[in-house]
Amino acid sequence: MIETINEAIEVVSVCTNGKMHPLRLRWKGKVVKVKRITGEWRKNEGEARVYYYSILGENSDYFEICYDSRTLIWTLCRVWLEG
């Protein structure tokens, strides 16, 4: 079941060729390694650009996270936990 979260989270990411790639996130004190990025898109919200990523964790859980370029904050938007 997909659950809406909308909580600020910590994310480790790298930028290569002008694109950001999340590598790990921390949510509720647990670190989740990104196994695969399954989708990415962006939205313009006023003058800010928000980058969205759907990712598969190494434990087969799905996460939708976003990065707001105005606030520099990562947010866990939605989650689908397998277990």
N, C-alpha and C. Protein backbone atom coordinates (compact mmCIF):
# COMPACT_ATOMS: atom_id res chain seq x y z
N MET A 1 0.84 -1.17 0.00
CA MET A 1 0.00 0.00 0.00
C MET A 1 0.89 1.24 0.00
N ILE A 2 0.57 2.18 -0.86
CA ILE A 2 1.32 3.41 -0.93
C ILE A 2 0.85 4.33 0.19
N GLU A 3 1.82 4.88 0.92
CA GLU A 3 1.51 5.78 2.02
C GLU A 3 2.15 7.14 1.75
N THR A 4 1.38 8.20 1.93
CA THR A 4 1.91 9.55 1.78
C THR A 4 2.59 9.94 3.08
N ILE A 5 3.84 10.44 2.98
CA ILE A 5 4.64 10.75 4.15
C ILE A 5 4.89 12.26 4.28
N ASN A 6 5.51 12.87 3.29
CA ASN A 6 5.86 14.30 3.28
C ASN A 6 6.66 14.73 4.51
N GLU A 7 7.80 14.05 4.74
CA GLU A 7 8.72 14.38 5.83
C GLU A 7 10.08 14.73 5.25
N ALA A 8 10.75 15.71 5.88
CA ALA A 8 12.11 16.03 5.49
C ALA A 8 13.02 14.85 5.83
N ILE A 9 13.93 14.53 4.94
CA ILE A 9 14.85 13.41 5.14
C ILE A 9 16.26 13.84 4.75
N GLU A 10 17.24 13.02 5.13
CA GLU A 10 18.61 13.23 4.71
C GLU A 10 18.88 12.33 3.51
N VAL A 11 19.55 12.88 2.52
CA VAL A 11 19.87 12.12 1.31
C VAL A 11 21.33 12.36 0.94
N VAL A 12 22.01 11.30 0.59
CA VAL A 12 23.35 11.41 0.02
C VAL A 12 23.18 11.23 -1.48
N SER A 13 23.70 12.19 -2.24
CA SER A 13 23.57 12.12 -3.69
C SER A 13 24.86 12.58 -4.35
N VAL A 14 24.98 12.28 -5.62
CA VAL A 14 26.11 12.77 -6.42
C VAL A 14 25.54 13.47 -7.65
N CYS A 15 26.33 14.38 -8.18
CA CYS A 15 25.95 15.06 -9.42
C CYS A 15 26.97 14.65 -10.48
N THR A 16 26.46 14.11 -11.57
CA THR A 16 27.32 13.77 -12.70
C THR A 16 26.66 14.26 -13.97
N ASN A 17 27.45 14.88 -14.80
CA ASN A 17 26.95 15.43 -16.06
C ASN A 17 25.73 16.32 -15.86
N GLY A 18 25.73 17.09 -14.79
CA GLY A 18 24.65 18.02 -14.54
C GLY A 18 23.38 17.40 -13.99
N LYS A 19 23.40 16.10 -13.65
CA LYS A 19 22.21 15.43 -13.12
C LYS A 19 22.51 14.91 -11.72
N MET A 20 21.50 15.00 -10.85
CA MET A 20 21.63 14.54 -9.48
C MET A 20 21.16 13.08 -9.40
N HIS A 21 21.91 12.29 -8.62
CA HIS A 21 21.57 10.87 -8.45
C HIS A 21 21.58 10.52 -6.97
N PRO A 22 20.42 10.31 -6.36
CA PRO A 22 20.39 9.89 -4.95
C PRO A 22 21.05 8.52 -4.78
N LEU A 23 21.86 8.39 -3.73
CA LEU A 23 22.54 7.13 -3.45
C LEU A 23 21.99 6.44 -2.20
N ARG A 24 21.69 7.25 -1.18
CA ARG A 24 21.17 6.71 0.10
C ARG A 24 20.25 7.74 0.71
N LEU A 25 19.31 7.25 1.52
CA LEU A 25 18.46 8.16 2.28
C LEU A 25 18.34 7.64 3.70
N ARG A 26 18.07 8.56 4.60
CA ARG A 26 17.85 8.20 6.00
C ARG A 26 16.44 8.62 6.37
N TRP A 27 15.68 7.65 6.86
CA TRP A 27 14.30 7.90 7.28
C TRP A 27 14.04 7.11 8.55
N LYS A 28 13.53 7.77 9.57
CA LYS A 28 13.26 7.15 10.87
C LYS A 28 14.49 6.45 11.42
N GLY A 29 15.66 7.05 11.22
CA GLY A 29 16.91 6.51 11.73
C GLY A 29 17.47 5.34 10.94
N LYS A 30 16.79 4.91 9.88
CA LYS A 30 17.28 3.80 9.06
C LYS A 30 17.86 4.32 7.75
N VAL A 31 18.97 3.74 7.35
CA VAL A 31 19.60 4.11 6.09
C VAL A 31 19.15 3.13 5.01
N VAL A 32 18.70 3.68 3.90
CA VAL A 32 18.25 2.86 2.77
C VAL A 32 19.17 3.14 1.60
N LYS A 33 19.81 2.10 1.08
CA LYS A 33 20.63 2.25 -0.11
C LYS A 33 19.75 2.16 -1.35
N VAL A 34 20.01 3.04 -2.30
CA VAL A 34 19.24 3.05 -3.54
C VAL A 34 19.76 1.93 -4.44
N LYS A 35 18.88 1.01 -4.76
CA LYS A 35 19.23 -0.07 -5.66
C LYS A 35 19.10 0.39 -7.12
N ARG A 36 18.00 1.14 -7.37
CA ARG A 36 17.75 1.59 -8.74
C ARG A 36 16.84 2.81 -8.72
N ILE A 37 17.12 3.76 -9.58
CA ILE A 37 16.20 4.89 -9.79
C ILE A 37 15.25 4.46 -10.89
N THR A 38 13.95 4.40 -10.57
CA THR A 38 12.98 3.89 -11.53
C THR A 38 12.27 5.01 -12.29
N GLY A 39 12.44 6.23 -11.85
CA GLY A 39 11.83 7.35 -12.56
C GLY A 39 12.33 8.67 -12.00
N GLU A 40 12.34 9.69 -12.83
CA GLU A 40 12.70 11.02 -12.37
C GLU A 40 12.00 12.04 -13.24
N TRP A 41 11.56 13.11 -12.61
CA TRP A 41 10.87 14.19 -13.29
C TRP A 41 11.04 15.45 -12.47
N ARG A 42 10.64 16.56 -13.02
CA ARG A 42 10.76 17.83 -12.29
C ARG A 42 9.54 18.69 -12.56
N LYS A 43 9.28 19.57 -11.59
CA LYS A 43 8.17 20.51 -11.70
C LYS A 43 8.69 21.89 -11.36
N ASN A 44 8.16 22.87 -12.03
CA ASN A 44 8.45 24.26 -11.67
C ASN A 44 7.36 24.72 -10.72
N GLU A 45 7.76 25.20 -9.56
CA GLU A 45 6.82 25.73 -8.59
C GLU A 45 7.22 27.17 -8.31
N GLY A 46 6.57 28.09 -8.99
CA GLY A 46 6.99 29.49 -8.93
C GLY A 46 8.36 29.61 -9.58
N GLU A 47 9.28 30.22 -8.86
CA GLU A 47 10.63 30.35 -9.39
C GLU A 47 11.52 29.16 -9.04
N ALA A 48 11.01 28.27 -8.22
CA ALA A 48 11.79 27.11 -7.80
C ALA A 48 11.53 25.92 -8.72
N ARG A 49 12.51 25.04 -8.77
CA ARG A 49 12.37 23.80 -9.51
C ARG A 49 12.47 22.67 -8.49
N VAL A 50 11.54 21.74 -8.55
CA VAL A 50 11.52 20.60 -7.63
C VAL A 50 11.79 19.34 -8.46
N TYR A 51 12.79 18.57 -7.99
CA TYR A 51 13.21 17.36 -8.68
C TYR A 51 12.65 16.14 -7.95
N TYR A 52 11.99 15.28 -8.66
CA TYR A 52 11.36 14.09 -8.07
C TYR A 52 12.08 12.84 -8.56
N TYR A 53 12.17 11.87 -7.66
CA TYR A 53 12.78 10.58 -8.00
C TYR A 53 11.93 9.47 -7.41
N SER A 54 11.67 8.45 -8.19
CA SER A 54 11.11 7.23 -7.61
C SER A 54 12.26 6.24 -7.59
N ILE A 55 12.44 5.63 -6.42
CA ILE A 55 13.60 4.77 -6.25
C ILE A 55 13.20 3.44 -5.62
N LEU A 56 13.97 2.44 -5.94
CA LEU A 56 13.81 1.11 -5.36
C LEU A 56 14.95 0.92 -4.37
N GLY A 57 14.60 0.66 -3.11
CA GLY A 57 15.61 0.37 -2.11
C GLY A 57 16.12 -1.04 -2.26
N GLU A 58 17.28 -1.31 -1.63
CA GLU A 58 17.85 -2.66 -1.78
C GLU A 58 17.00 -3.72 -1.09
N ASN A 59 16.03 -3.31 -0.27
CA ASN A 59 15.13 -4.27 0.37
C ASN A 59 13.79 -4.36 -0.35
N SER A 60 13.73 -3.88 -1.60
CA SER A 60 12.55 -3.93 -2.47
C SER A 60 11.43 -2.98 -2.06
N ASP A 61 11.70 -2.03 -1.17
CA ASP A 61 10.72 -0.99 -0.86
C ASP A 61 10.86 0.13 -1.89
N TYR A 62 9.72 0.77 -2.22
CA TYR A 62 9.73 1.89 -3.16
C TYR A 62 9.56 3.20 -2.41
N PHE A 63 10.28 4.21 -2.86
CA PHE A 63 10.22 5.52 -2.25
C PHE A 63 10.08 6.57 -3.35
N GLU A 64 9.29 7.59 -3.07
CA GLU A 64 9.24 8.76 -3.94
C GLU A 64 9.78 9.92 -3.13
N ILE A 65 10.88 10.50 -3.59
CA ILE A 65 11.52 11.59 -2.86
C ILE A 65 11.61 12.80 -3.79
N CYS A 66 11.78 13.98 -3.19
CA CYS A 66 11.95 15.17 -4.02
C CYS A 66 12.94 16.12 -3.37
N TYR A 67 13.55 16.93 -4.21
CA TYR A 67 14.52 17.93 -3.79
C TYR A 67 14.04 19.28 -4.27
N ASP A 68 13.86 20.20 -3.33
CA ASP A 68 13.41 21.56 -3.65
C ASP A 68 14.64 22.45 -3.80
N SER A 69 14.86 22.97 -4.99
CA SER A 69 16.06 23.79 -5.23
C SER A 69 16.00 25.13 -4.51
N ARG A 70 14.84 25.55 -4.08
CA ARG A 70 14.70 26.82 -3.36
C ARG A 70 15.10 26.67 -1.90
N THR A 71 14.63 25.59 -1.26
CA THR A 71 14.90 25.39 0.17
C THR A 71 16.10 24.49 0.43
N LEU A 72 16.54 23.76 -0.60
CA LEU A 72 17.64 22.78 -0.51
C LEU A 72 17.28 21.64 0.44
N ILE A 73 16.02 21.32 0.52
CA ILE A 73 15.52 20.26 1.41
C ILE A 73 15.02 19.08 0.59
N TRP A 74 15.44 17.88 1.05
CA TRP A 74 14.91 16.64 0.49
C TRP A 74 13.68 16.23 1.31
N THR A 75 12.69 15.72 0.62
CA THR A 75 11.46 15.28 1.28
C THR A 75 11.10 13.87 0.81
N LEU A 76 10.70 13.04 1.76
CA LEU A 76 10.13 11.74 1.42
C LEU A 76 8.64 11.98 1.18
N CYS A 77 8.22 11.84 -0.06
CA CYS A 77 6.83 12.14 -0.42
C CYS A 77 5.93 10.95 -0.15
N ARG A 78 6.29 9.80 -0.71
CA ARG A 78 5.45 8.61 -0.56
C ARG A 78 6.35 7.38 -0.43
N VAL A 79 5.79 6.34 0.13
CA VAL A 79 6.54 5.11 0.31
C VAL A 79 5.61 3.92 0.13
N TRP A 80 6.19 2.84 -0.36
CA TRP A 80 5.49 1.56 -0.48
C TRP A 80 6.44 0.52 0.10
N LEU A 81 6.12 0.05 1.30
CA LEU A 81 6.98 -0.90 1.99
C LEU A 81 6.54 -2.32 1.69
N GLU A 82 7.48 -3.15 1.30
CA GLU A 82 7.18 -4.55 0.97
C GLU A 82 6.89 -5.39 2.21
N GLY A 83 7.59 -5.11 3.28
CA GLY A 83 7.50 -6.01 4.43
C GLY A 83 6.55 -5.69 5.46
